[in-house]
Protein backbone atom coordinates (compact mmCIF):
# COMPACT_ATOMS: atom_id res chain seq x y z
CA SER A 1 49.12 98.90 50.95
CA CYS A 2 49.36 95.59 52.78
CA THR A 3 53.13 95.30 52.08
CA VAL A 4 53.82 98.75 53.58
CA LYS A 5 51.78 97.93 56.70
CA ILE A 6 53.68 94.68 57.17
CA GLN A 7 57.02 96.51 56.89
CA ILE A 8 55.90 99.18 59.38
CA ALA A 9 54.85 96.43 61.80
CA LYS A 10 58.26 94.74 61.42
CA ASN A 11 60.08 98.02 62.06
CA ARG A 12 58.02 98.65 65.19
CA SER A 13 58.73 95.12 66.37
CA LEU A 14 62.48 95.67 65.94
CA GLN A 15 62.26 98.98 67.79
CA ASP A 16 60.51 97.22 70.68
CA MET A 17 63.36 94.71 70.82
CA VAL A 18 66.06 97.39 71.08
CA ARG A 19 67.28 97.95 74.63
CA HIS A 20 68.23 101.49 75.64
CA ILE A 21 70.83 101.87 78.38
CA PRO A 22 71.46 105.38 79.76
CA PHE A 23 74.96 106.79 79.26
CA GLN A 24 75.32 107.61 82.95
CA GLN A 25 74.37 104.09 84.02
CA VAL A 26 77.30 102.73 82.02
CA ALA A 27 79.68 105.43 83.28
CA ASP A 28 78.68 104.82 86.92
CA ALA A 29 79.21 101.06 86.57
CA VAL A 30 82.67 101.68 85.09
CA THR A 31 83.55 104.02 87.97
CA LYS A 32 82.56 101.33 90.46
CA ALA A 33 84.65 98.74 88.58
CA CYS A 34 87.71 101.00 88.67
CA LEU A 35 87.47 101.35 92.44
CA GLU A 36 86.83 97.64 92.97
CA ALA A 37 89.67 96.47 90.73
CA ALA A 38 92.16 98.75 92.46
CA THR A 39 91.33 97.58 95.98
CA HIS A 40 89.97 94.00 95.82
CA LEU A 41 91.75 90.92 94.53
CA PRO A 42 89.25 88.51 92.95
CA LYS A 43 88.61 85.19 94.71
CA ASP A 44 90.31 83.14 91.97
CA VAL A 45 93.51 85.12 92.48
CA LEU A 46 93.41 84.83 96.28
CA ASP A 47 92.80 81.10 95.96
CA GLY A 48 95.75 80.84 93.56
CA ILE A 49 98.07 82.54 96.04
CA LYS A 50 96.91 80.25 98.86
CA LYS A 51 97.43 77.17 96.70
CA ALA A 52 100.93 78.37 95.82
CA MET A 53 101.72 78.77 99.52
CA ASP A 54 100.77 75.13 100.10
CA ASN A 55 103.23 74.00 97.40
CA GLU A 56 106.10 76.46 97.93
CA THR A 57 109.14 74.91 99.62
CA ASN A 58 111.32 78.03 99.61
CA GLU A 59 110.97 79.90 102.91
CA LEU A 60 111.56 83.31 101.37
CA GLY A 61 109.06 82.51 98.63
CA ARG A 62 106.44 81.54 101.22
CA ASP A 63 107.06 84.81 103.06
CA PHE A 64 106.39 86.80 99.89
CA LEU A 65 103.19 84.88 99.20
CA ALA A 66 102.03 85.53 102.76
CA GLN A 67 102.75 89.23 102.28
CA TYR A 68 100.61 89.27 99.12
CA LEU A 69 97.65 87.95 101.11
CA LYS A 70 98.27 90.45 103.91
CA ASN A 71 98.52 93.28 101.37
CA ALA A 72 95.22 92.22 99.79
CA LYS A 73 93.50 92.22 103.18
CA ILE A 74 94.82 95.71 104.04
CA ALA A 75 93.68 97.05 100.67
CA GLU A 76 90.19 95.60 101.10
CA GLU A 77 89.82 96.91 104.66
CA THR A 78 91.19 100.40 104.02
CA GLY A 79 90.18 101.06 100.42
CA LEU A 80 93.81 101.74 99.54
CA PRO A 81 95.11 100.46 96.18
CA LEU A 82 96.65 96.99 96.05
CA CYS A 83 99.61 98.51 94.20
CA GLN A 84 100.86 102.05 93.71
CA ASP A 85 100.77 101.40 89.94
CA THR A 86 97.01 101.46 89.41
CA GLY A 87 97.57 100.71 85.77
CA PHE A 88 96.42 101.46 82.28
CA ALA A 89 92.64 100.85 82.24
CA VAL A 90 92.04 98.03 79.74
CA PHE A 91 88.43 97.06 78.98
CA PHE A 92 87.02 94.00 77.24
CA VAL A 93 83.50 94.86 76.11
CA GLU A 94 80.80 92.67 74.58
CA MET A 95 77.89 94.76 73.35
CA GLY A 96 74.67 93.15 72.21
CA SER A 97 73.49 94.06 68.71
CA MET A 98 70.16 95.21 70.18
CA VAL A 99 71.76 97.62 72.69
CA VAL A 100 71.78 101.38 72.25
CA ILE A 101 73.56 103.76 74.64
CA ASP A 102 71.37 106.83 75.12
CA GLY A 103 73.36 110.05 75.36
CA GLY A 104 76.64 109.00 73.77
CA THR A 105 78.72 106.04 72.66
CA VAL A 106 79.80 103.14 74.83
CA SER A 107 83.42 104.24 74.43
CA GLU A 108 82.59 107.74 75.66
CA ALA A 109 80.73 106.32 78.66
CA ILE A 110 83.65 104.04 79.56
CA THR A 111 86.09 106.94 79.26
CA ALA A 112 83.95 109.18 81.49
CA GLY A 113 83.56 106.42 84.08
CA THR A 114 87.30 105.72 84.09
CA GLU A 115 88.16 109.36 84.68
CA ARG A 116 85.67 109.60 87.53
CA GLY A 117 86.80 106.33 89.12
CA TYR A 118 90.46 107.29 89.19
CA GLU A 119 89.54 110.70 90.61
CA LEU A 120 87.25 109.38 93.37
CA GLY A 121 89.68 106.67 94.41
CA PHE A 122 92.72 108.97 94.37
CA LEU A 123 94.26 106.37 92.08
CA ARG A 124 97.55 107.17 90.40
CA LYS A 125 97.19 108.63 86.93
CA SER A 126 99.80 106.97 84.72
CA ILE A 127 98.92 107.89 81.13
CA VAL A 128 100.92 110.38 79.03
CA ASP A 129 99.37 112.07 76.00
CA ASP A 130 102.23 111.35 73.58
CA PRO A 131 104.52 108.32 73.77
CA VAL A 132 107.69 109.96 72.41
CA PHE A 133 107.86 113.75 72.28
CA ARG A 134 105.75 115.36 75.03
CA ARG A 135 104.97 112.60 77.55
CA VAL A 136 102.70 114.96 79.50
CA ASN A 137 100.41 113.24 82.00
CA THR A 138 96.75 113.46 80.96
CA ARG A 139 95.86 113.63 84.69
CA THR A 140 92.74 111.54 84.11
CA ASN A 141 94.24 108.09 83.40
CA THR A 142 92.48 108.30 80.06
CA PRO A 143 92.14 107.44 77.29
CA PRO A 144 91.51 103.82 78.28
CA ILE A 145 92.11 100.83 76.01
CA ILE A 146 88.75 99.45 74.85
CA HIS A 147 88.41 96.13 73.03
CA LEU A 148 84.84 96.18 71.71
CA THR A 149 83.08 93.13 70.28
CA GLN A 150 79.51 93.07 69.02
CA VAL A 151 77.53 89.99 70.01
CA PRO A 152 73.89 88.92 69.60
CA GLY A 153 71.38 89.97 72.24
CA ASP A 154 70.51 92.92 74.45
CA ARG A 155 73.19 92.78 77.14
CA LEU A 156 76.30 94.86 77.74
CA SER A 157 79.19 93.00 79.41
CA VAL A 158 82.33 94.84 80.55
CA ILE A 159 85.52 93.50 82.15
CA LEU A 160 88.22 95.88 83.38
CA ALA A 161 91.77 94.59 83.76
CA PRO A 162 94.10 97.40 84.93
CA LYS A 163 97.59 96.75 83.59
CA GLY A 164 100.69 97.95 85.42
CA GLY A 165 103.78 99.07 83.52
CA GLY A 166 106.21 96.63 85.11
CA SER A 167 104.52 93.49 83.85
CA GLU A 168 103.41 95.06 80.57
CA ASN A 169 107.02 95.96 79.74
CA MET A 170 107.92 92.26 79.86
CA SER A 171 105.60 91.42 76.95
CA SER A 172 107.06 89.68 73.90
CA LEU A 173 105.96 88.60 70.46
CA LYS A 174 107.62 86.46 67.83
CA MET A 175 106.62 85.51 64.32
CA LEU A 176 107.65 81.87 64.33
CA THR A 177 107.71 79.77 61.19
CA PRO A 178 105.17 76.94 61.00
CA ALA A 179 108.09 74.49 61.18
CA ALA A 180 108.75 75.63 64.77
CA GLY A 181 105.58 73.81 65.76
CA ARG A 182 104.46 72.96 69.26
CA GLN A 183 107.96 72.76 70.72
CA GLY A 184 108.95 76.10 69.24
CA VAL A 185 105.93 77.76 70.86
CA ILE A 186 106.67 76.20 74.25
CA ASP A 187 110.36 77.16 74.15
CA PHE A 188 109.58 80.77 73.23
CA VAL A 189 107.03 81.22 76.03
CA VAL A 190 109.26 79.63 78.67
CA GLU A 191 112.30 81.68 77.57
CA SER A 192 110.23 84.90 77.66
CA VAL A 193 109.09 84.31 81.24
CA ILE A 194 112.52 83.29 82.52
CA LYS A 195 114.18 86.25 80.80
CA ALA A 196 111.68 88.59 82.50
CA GLY A 197 112.98 87.40 85.88
CA GLY A 198 111.73 89.48 88.79
CA ASN A 199 110.73 92.51 86.69
CA PRO A 200 107.00 91.63 86.36
CA CYS A 201 106.69 90.99 90.14
CA PRO A 202 106.23 87.21 89.98
CA PRO A 203 104.52 84.90 90.53
CA THR A 204 102.84 85.83 87.28
CA VAL A 205 99.88 84.81 85.22
CA VAL A 206 101.14 84.06 81.72
CA GLY A 207 98.84 85.01 78.87
CA VAL A 208 99.72 83.40 75.53
CA GLY A 209 98.18 84.27 72.18
CA ILE A 210 98.80 81.90 69.28
CA GLY A 211 97.73 82.46 65.70
CA GLY A 212 95.89 85.17 63.85
CA THR A 213 98.12 88.02 62.74
CA PHE A 214 100.76 90.14 64.47
CA GLU A 215 98.20 92.29 66.31
CA LYS A 216 95.67 89.49 66.88
CA ALA A 217 98.21 87.35 68.73
CA ALA A 218 98.96 90.24 71.10
CA PHE A 219 95.25 90.80 71.72
CA LEU A 220 94.73 87.10 72.45
CA ALA A 221 97.62 87.10 74.96
CA LYS A 222 96.05 90.04 76.82
CA LYS A 223 92.57 88.50 76.68
CA ALA A 224 93.94 85.23 78.10
CA LEU A 225 94.77 87.06 81.33
CA ILE A 226 91.12 87.69 82.21
CA ARG A 227 90.29 83.98 82.27
CA PRO A 228 89.76 82.76 85.88
CA MET A 229 93.19 81.87 87.23
CA GLY A 230 94.13 78.29 86.46
CA GLU A 231 91.06 77.53 84.35
CA ALA A 232 92.35 75.23 81.61
CA SER A 233 91.80 75.71 77.91
CA PRO A 234 88.68 73.84 76.72
CA ASP A 235 90.85 72.31 73.99
CA PRO A 236 92.64 69.25 75.46
CA GLU A 237 95.80 69.74 73.35
CA TYR A 238 96.18 73.37 74.40
CA ALA A 239 95.34 72.47 78.01
CA GLU A 240 98.21 69.97 77.98
CA MET A 241 100.49 72.64 76.49
CA GLU A 242 99.51 75.01 79.31
CA ARG A 243 100.46 72.40 81.91
CA GLU A 244 103.80 71.65 80.24
CA ILE A 245 104.75 75.32 79.94
CA LEU A 246 103.80 76.00 83.58
CA ALA A 247 105.86 73.04 84.81
CA ARG A 248 108.93 74.22 82.91
CA ILE A 249 108.54 77.80 84.11
CA ASN A 250 108.21 76.77 87.75
CA ALA A 251 111.18 74.42 87.46
CA SER A 252 113.33 77.44 86.53
CA GLY A 253 113.67 78.55 90.15
CA VAL A 254 113.00 82.24 89.42
CA GLY A 255 110.39 82.22 92.20
CA PRO A 256 108.39 84.98 93.91
CA GLN A 257 109.84 88.43 93.16
CA GLY A 258 112.62 86.69 91.24
CA LEU A 259 114.43 85.71 94.45
CA GLY A 260 114.08 81.96 94.18
CA GLY A 261 111.39 79.39 94.79
CA ASP A 262 109.01 76.90 93.25
CA THR A 263 106.36 79.38 92.12
CA THR A 264 107.42 81.61 89.24
CA SER A 265 103.94 81.60 87.67
CA PHE A 266 100.50 80.79 89.02
CA ALA A 267 99.03 79.76 85.69
CA VAL A 268 99.47 79.70 81.93
CA HIS A 269 96.44 80.61 79.80
CA ILE A 270 96.50 80.06 76.03
CA GLU A 271 94.09 81.56 73.52
CA HIS A 272 94.39 80.56 69.86
CA PHE A 273 93.02 81.64 66.48
CA PRO A 274 93.32 80.49 62.84
CA CYS A 275 96.36 81.87 61.02
CA HIS A 276 98.00 82.17 57.59
CA ILE A 277 99.63 79.04 56.14
CA ALA A 278 103.02 80.79 56.22
CA SER A 279 102.79 82.12 59.79
CA LEU A 280 102.86 81.07 63.43
CA PRO A 281 102.55 84.25 65.55
CA VAL A 282 103.05 83.83 69.31
CA ALA A 283 102.62 86.59 71.89
CA VAL A 284 103.29 86.55 75.64
CA ASN A 285 101.71 89.01 78.07
CA LEU A 286 102.45 88.74 81.79
CA ASN A 287 100.38 89.87 84.73
CA CYS A 288 101.93 90.36 88.15
CA HIS A 289 100.72 88.52 91.25
CA ALA A 290 98.10 91.26 91.76
CA ALA A 291 96.00 90.06 88.83
CA ARG A 292 93.33 92.71 89.16
CA HIS A 293 90.05 92.60 87.30
CA ALA A 294 86.44 93.65 87.85
CA GLY A 295 83.39 93.75 85.67
CA PHE A 296 79.65 94.06 85.28
CA GLU A 297 76.76 93.20 83.03
CA LEU A 298 73.85 95.50 82.23
């Protein structure tokens, strides 16, 4: 009948709109990202270090910042990792609703690409298969952490942000009461960074997640770290909060490597989300001065 023919035509039209991406194409792109992230500091990070050098008055602090730039140049020229801790592979993935991965799932492709990248680059494998009882190295640096979001369209966007253990261990989260308000959030973030001292290899990038639930706040804090260094929140009130927190952190004197100076953090990035009327979750996730990330779009 006419109705059946129309439905068949619609189905064919939808099938024509679906974009098929081969499994191996995704895996190969992930492998390349793993190698790039381990050996090349992004331009925004290099620019942030140079800007810090211009403002740093502590001689020892300036020496450390200069060493960071020298280290980045050596890594880029030799292909050696920027840091011996090549990190837990953390991926932020946006997958279009019209995308299909031929030959497996996107998670399987990312896992395969991660394993291959860490093998080809002779990158340190840092993942144990059980957190408490066995702690046996998986020898592949997998499984990776994959944050997958479905979005409209036919594109696949992937950002890799390898996360070292030193900075990750300095993470913190607190379930504030709504009465704590703006000042309570600022005080908690500043105290968390100062308490971390030299452990996260400062200067750091400070990721802050506000709102949502317990786990959402932590995710937002991690996601905040992949924003280009120093790019302000689009919300003017949160942008002002970022500036105030950064000023207080850098006035603490912790400095590069925790040995004193004007630059304890390069930037503060805040991400926020609606939350329950009875809650005010706040999470802090720090990234060391080697704020590595790489990505691609297919």
